[in-house]
């Protein structure tokens, strides 16, 4: 099964997450099929905290990929930001 989930990167105490499409059996930070965005919870100033290719997320969801709870929340935030802009 294919899942859209967060893959952690960054330094200790400064997390950075890539939003990736991966096989559920692969490790969290291991192999992935496609990178569809990123989430930077420590963003400050003019840094962008969240970027998601909503069209790619919709494509993968249409072909059966499941979103993790964290990614579902982030996609909702991204949709609100697009609607407000």
N, C-alpha and C. Protein backbone atom coordinates (compact mmCIF):
# COMPACT_ATOMS: atom_id res chain seq x y z
N UNK A 1 0.84 -1.17 0.00
CA UNK A 1 0.00 0.00 0.00
C UNK A 1 0.89 1.24 0.00
N UNK A 2 0.43 2.27 -0.68
CA UNK A 2 1.17 3.52 -0.78
C UNK A 2 0.58 4.51 0.22
N UNK A 3 1.48 5.25 0.90
CA UNK A 3 1.06 6.20 1.91
C UNK A 3 1.80 7.52 1.69
N UNK A 4 1.14 8.62 2.00
CA UNK A 4 1.78 9.94 1.96
C UNK A 4 2.05 10.31 3.41
N UNK A 5 3.33 10.49 3.74
CA UNK A 5 3.71 10.71 5.13
C UNK A 5 4.89 11.67 5.23
N UNK A 6 5.26 12.00 6.47
CA UNK A 6 6.39 12.88 6.73
C UNK A 6 7.67 12.06 6.85
N UNK A 7 8.74 12.59 6.30
CA UNK A 7 10.07 11.99 6.42
C UNK A 7 10.95 13.03 7.09
N UNK A 8 11.52 12.70 8.25
CA UNK A 8 12.23 13.69 9.06
C UNK A 8 13.64 13.90 8.55
N UNK A 9 14.04 15.15 8.59
CA UNK A 9 15.41 15.55 8.28
C UNK A 9 15.80 16.66 9.23
N UNK A 10 16.87 17.35 8.93
CA UNK A 10 17.29 18.45 9.77
C UNK A 10 18.20 17.98 10.90
N UNK A 11 18.60 18.92 11.73
CA UNK A 11 19.51 18.64 12.83
C UNK A 11 18.74 18.33 14.10
N UNK A 12 19.47 17.86 15.10
CA UNK A 12 18.85 17.61 16.40
C UNK A 12 18.34 18.94 16.95
N UNK A 13 17.07 18.98 17.33
CA UNK A 13 16.48 20.20 17.85
C UNK A 13 15.98 21.16 16.79
N UNK A 14 16.26 20.89 15.51
CA UNK A 14 15.76 21.73 14.41
C UNK A 14 15.17 20.82 13.33
N UNK A 15 13.97 20.29 13.57
CA UNK A 15 13.39 19.34 12.62
C UNK A 15 12.98 19.99 11.30
N UNK A 16 13.03 19.21 10.25
CA UNK A 16 12.57 19.59 8.92
C UNK A 16 11.97 18.33 8.33
N UNK A 17 10.79 18.44 7.78
CA UNK A 17 10.09 17.26 7.28
C UNK A 17 9.82 17.39 5.78
N UNK A 18 10.14 16.35 5.03
CA UNK A 18 9.72 16.25 3.64
C UNK A 18 8.41 15.48 3.63
N UNK A 19 7.50 15.89 2.78
CA UNK A 19 6.24 15.17 2.60
C UNK A 19 6.45 14.28 1.39
N UNK A 20 6.42 12.97 1.62
CA UNK A 20 6.79 12.03 0.58
C UNK A 20 5.69 10.99 0.35
N UNK A 21 5.68 10.44 -0.85
CA UNK A 21 4.83 9.31 -1.20
C UNK A 21 5.73 8.09 -1.14
N UNK A 22 5.37 7.11 -0.32
CA UNK A 22 6.22 5.95 -0.12
C UNK A 22 5.39 4.70 0.07
N UNK A 23 6.04 3.58 -0.12
CA UNK A 23 5.43 2.30 0.20
C UNK A 23 5.38 2.19 1.72
N UNK A 24 4.29 1.71 2.23
CA UNK A 24 4.11 1.62 3.69
C UNK A 24 5.19 0.77 4.35
N UNK A 25 5.73 -0.21 3.64
CA UNK A 25 6.72 -1.12 4.23
C UNK A 25 8.11 -0.53 4.34
N UNK A 26 8.37 0.57 3.63
CA UNK A 26 9.69 1.20 3.70
C UNK A 26 9.83 2.01 4.98
N UNK A 27 11.08 2.21 5.40
CA UNK A 27 11.35 2.96 6.62
C UNK A 27 10.90 4.41 6.49
N UNK A 28 10.68 5.06 7.63
CA UNK A 28 10.18 6.43 7.65
C UNK A 28 11.07 7.37 6.84
N UNK A 29 12.38 7.28 7.03
CA UNK A 29 13.30 8.17 6.33
C UNK A 29 14.00 7.48 5.17
N UNK A 30 13.47 6.36 4.74
CA UNK A 30 14.11 5.57 3.70
C UNK A 30 13.63 5.93 2.31
N UNK A 31 13.53 4.91 1.48
CA UNK A 31 13.18 5.07 0.08
C UNK A 31 11.77 5.63 -0.07
N UNK A 32 11.59 6.48 -1.08
CA UNK A 32 10.26 7.03 -1.37
C UNK A 32 10.06 7.10 -2.87
N UNK A 33 8.82 7.28 -3.28
CA UNK A 33 8.46 7.32 -4.69
C UNK A 33 8.57 8.75 -5.23
N UNK A 34 7.99 9.70 -4.48
CA UNK A 34 7.96 11.09 -4.93
C UNK A 34 7.90 12.02 -3.73
N UNK A 35 8.60 13.14 -3.83
CA UNK A 35 8.54 14.18 -2.80
C UNK A 35 7.50 15.20 -3.26
N UNK A 36 6.48 15.44 -2.45
CA UNK A 36 5.40 16.33 -2.86
C UNK A 36 5.36 17.63 -2.06
N UNK A 37 6.30 17.83 -1.16
CA UNK A 37 6.33 19.08 -0.41
C UNK A 37 7.23 18.99 0.79
N UNK A 38 7.17 20.04 1.62
CA UNK A 38 7.94 20.04 2.85
C UNK A 38 7.21 20.81 3.94
N UNK A 39 7.61 20.57 5.18
CA UNK A 39 7.06 21.26 6.35
C UNK A 39 8.23 21.62 7.26
N UNK A 40 8.36 22.91 7.56
CA UNK A 40 9.42 23.40 8.42
C UNK A 40 8.78 24.05 9.65
N UNK A 41 8.63 23.30 10.74
CA UNK A 41 7.97 23.85 11.92
C UNK A 41 8.79 24.93 12.62
N UNK A 42 10.08 25.03 12.32
CA UNK A 42 10.95 26.01 12.95
C UNK A 42 11.17 27.24 12.07
N UNK A 43 10.39 27.42 11.02
CA UNK A 43 10.57 28.53 10.09
C UNK A 43 10.40 29.85 10.82
N UNK A 44 11.27 30.79 10.47
CA UNK A 44 11.19 32.12 11.08
C UNK A 44 11.45 33.16 10.00
N UNK A 45 10.97 34.35 10.23
CA UNK A 45 11.20 35.43 9.28
C UNK A 45 10.50 35.18 7.96
N UNK A 46 11.26 35.28 6.89
CA UNK A 46 10.67 35.13 5.56
C UNK A 46 10.72 33.69 5.05
N UNK A 47 11.18 32.75 5.87
CA UNK A 47 11.22 31.36 5.45
C UNK A 47 9.80 30.82 5.31
N UNK A 48 9.63 29.97 4.34
CA UNK A 48 8.31 29.37 4.08
C UNK A 48 8.14 28.13 4.96
N UNK A 49 7.12 28.10 5.84
CA UNK A 49 6.97 26.96 6.73
C UNK A 49 6.35 25.72 6.09
N UNK A 50 5.58 25.90 5.02
CA UNK A 50 4.86 24.77 4.43
C UNK A 50 4.69 24.98 2.94
N UNK A 51 5.03 23.94 2.17
CA UNK A 51 4.77 23.96 0.74
C UNK A 51 4.34 22.57 0.33
N UNK A 52 3.17 22.47 -0.29
CA UNK A 52 2.65 21.19 -0.73
C UNK A 52 2.12 21.34 -2.15
N UNK A 53 2.48 20.39 -3.01
CA UNK A 53 1.92 20.33 -4.36
C UNK A 53 0.57 19.63 -4.25
N UNK A 54 -0.48 20.42 -4.06
CA UNK A 54 -1.81 19.85 -3.83
C UNK A 54 -2.30 19.02 -5.00
N UNK A 55 -1.90 19.38 -6.22
CA UNK A 55 -2.31 18.59 -7.38
C UNK A 55 -1.70 17.19 -7.34
N UNK A 56 -0.45 17.07 -6.90
CA UNK A 56 0.19 15.75 -6.80
C UNK A 56 -0.41 14.93 -5.65
N UNK A 57 -0.74 15.59 -4.54
CA UNK A 57 -1.38 14.88 -3.43
C UNK A 57 -2.73 14.36 -3.88
N UNK A 58 -3.49 15.17 -4.60
CA UNK A 58 -4.79 14.74 -5.11
C UNK A 58 -4.63 13.57 -6.09
N UNK A 59 -3.61 13.63 -6.94
CA UNK A 59 -3.37 12.53 -7.88
C UNK A 59 -3.11 11.23 -7.13
N UNK A 60 -2.21 11.27 -6.15
CA UNK A 60 -1.88 10.05 -5.42
C UNK A 60 -3.07 9.54 -4.61
N UNK A 61 -3.85 10.45 -4.03
CA UNK A 61 -5.04 10.04 -3.30
C UNK A 61 -6.06 9.37 -4.24
N UNK A 62 -6.15 9.88 -5.47
CA UNK A 62 -7.08 9.30 -6.44
C UNK A 62 -6.68 7.88 -6.85
N UNK A 63 -5.38 7.59 -6.86
CA UNK A 63 -4.94 6.25 -7.25
C UNK A 63 -4.81 5.32 -6.05
N UNK A 64 -5.23 5.78 -4.86
CA UNK A 64 -5.33 4.88 -3.73
C UNK A 64 -4.37 5.11 -2.58
N UNK A 65 -3.53 6.12 -2.65
CA UNK A 65 -2.60 6.39 -1.55
C UNK A 65 -3.38 6.94 -0.36
N UNK A 66 -2.95 6.55 0.84
CA UNK A 66 -3.59 7.03 2.05
C UNK A 66 -2.71 8.09 2.71
N UNK A 67 -3.33 9.14 3.24
CA UNK A 67 -2.60 10.19 3.91
C UNK A 67 -2.47 9.86 5.39
N UNK A 68 -1.30 10.12 5.94
CA UNK A 68 -1.12 9.95 7.38
C UNK A 68 -1.90 11.06 8.09
N UNK A 69 -2.21 10.89 9.37
CA UNK A 69 -2.96 11.94 10.10
C UNK A 69 -2.25 13.29 10.07
N UNK A 70 -0.93 13.31 10.22
CA UNK A 70 -0.19 14.58 10.20
C UNK A 70 -0.27 15.25 8.83
N UNK A 71 -0.16 14.47 7.77
CA UNK A 71 -0.23 15.03 6.42
C UNK A 71 -1.65 15.51 6.13
N UNK A 72 -2.65 14.81 6.62
CA UNK A 72 -4.04 15.26 6.44
C UNK A 72 -4.23 16.64 7.05
N UNK A 73 -3.68 16.85 8.25
CA UNK A 73 -3.76 18.15 8.91
C UNK A 73 -3.03 19.23 8.11
N UNK A 74 -1.84 18.91 7.61
CA UNK A 74 -1.06 19.88 6.85
C UNK A 74 -1.72 20.22 5.50
N UNK A 75 -2.31 19.25 4.86
CA UNK A 75 -3.01 19.51 3.60
C UNK A 75 -4.20 20.44 3.86
N UNK A 76 -4.90 20.25 4.95
CA UNK A 76 -5.99 21.15 5.32
C UNK A 76 -5.51 22.57 5.53
N UNK A 77 -4.37 22.73 6.19
CA UNK A 77 -3.79 24.06 6.39
C UNK A 77 -3.41 24.68 5.06
N UNK A 78 -2.82 23.90 4.16
CA UNK A 78 -2.41 24.41 2.85
C UNK A 78 -3.61 24.84 2.03
N UNK A 79 -4.69 24.07 2.09
CA UNK A 79 -5.91 24.44 1.36
C UNK A 79 -6.51 25.74 1.89
N UNK A 80 -6.47 25.92 3.22
CA UNK A 80 -6.96 27.17 3.81
C UNK A 80 -6.12 28.35 3.35
N UNK A 81 -4.81 28.16 3.28
CA UNK A 81 -3.91 29.24 2.85
C UNK A 81 -4.15 29.61 1.39
N UNK A 82 -4.41 28.60 0.55
CA UNK A 82 -4.67 28.86 -0.87
C UNK A 82 -6.01 29.58 -1.02
N UNK A 83 -7.01 29.18 -0.24
CA UNK A 83 -8.33 29.81 -0.32
C UNK A 83 -8.29 31.26 0.16
N UNK A 84 -7.45 31.54 1.15
CA UNK A 84 -7.35 32.89 1.70
C UNK A 84 -6.58 33.83 0.77
N UNK A 85 -5.70 33.26 -0.06
CA UNK A 85 -4.86 34.10 -0.93
C UNK A 85 -5.57 34.52 -2.18
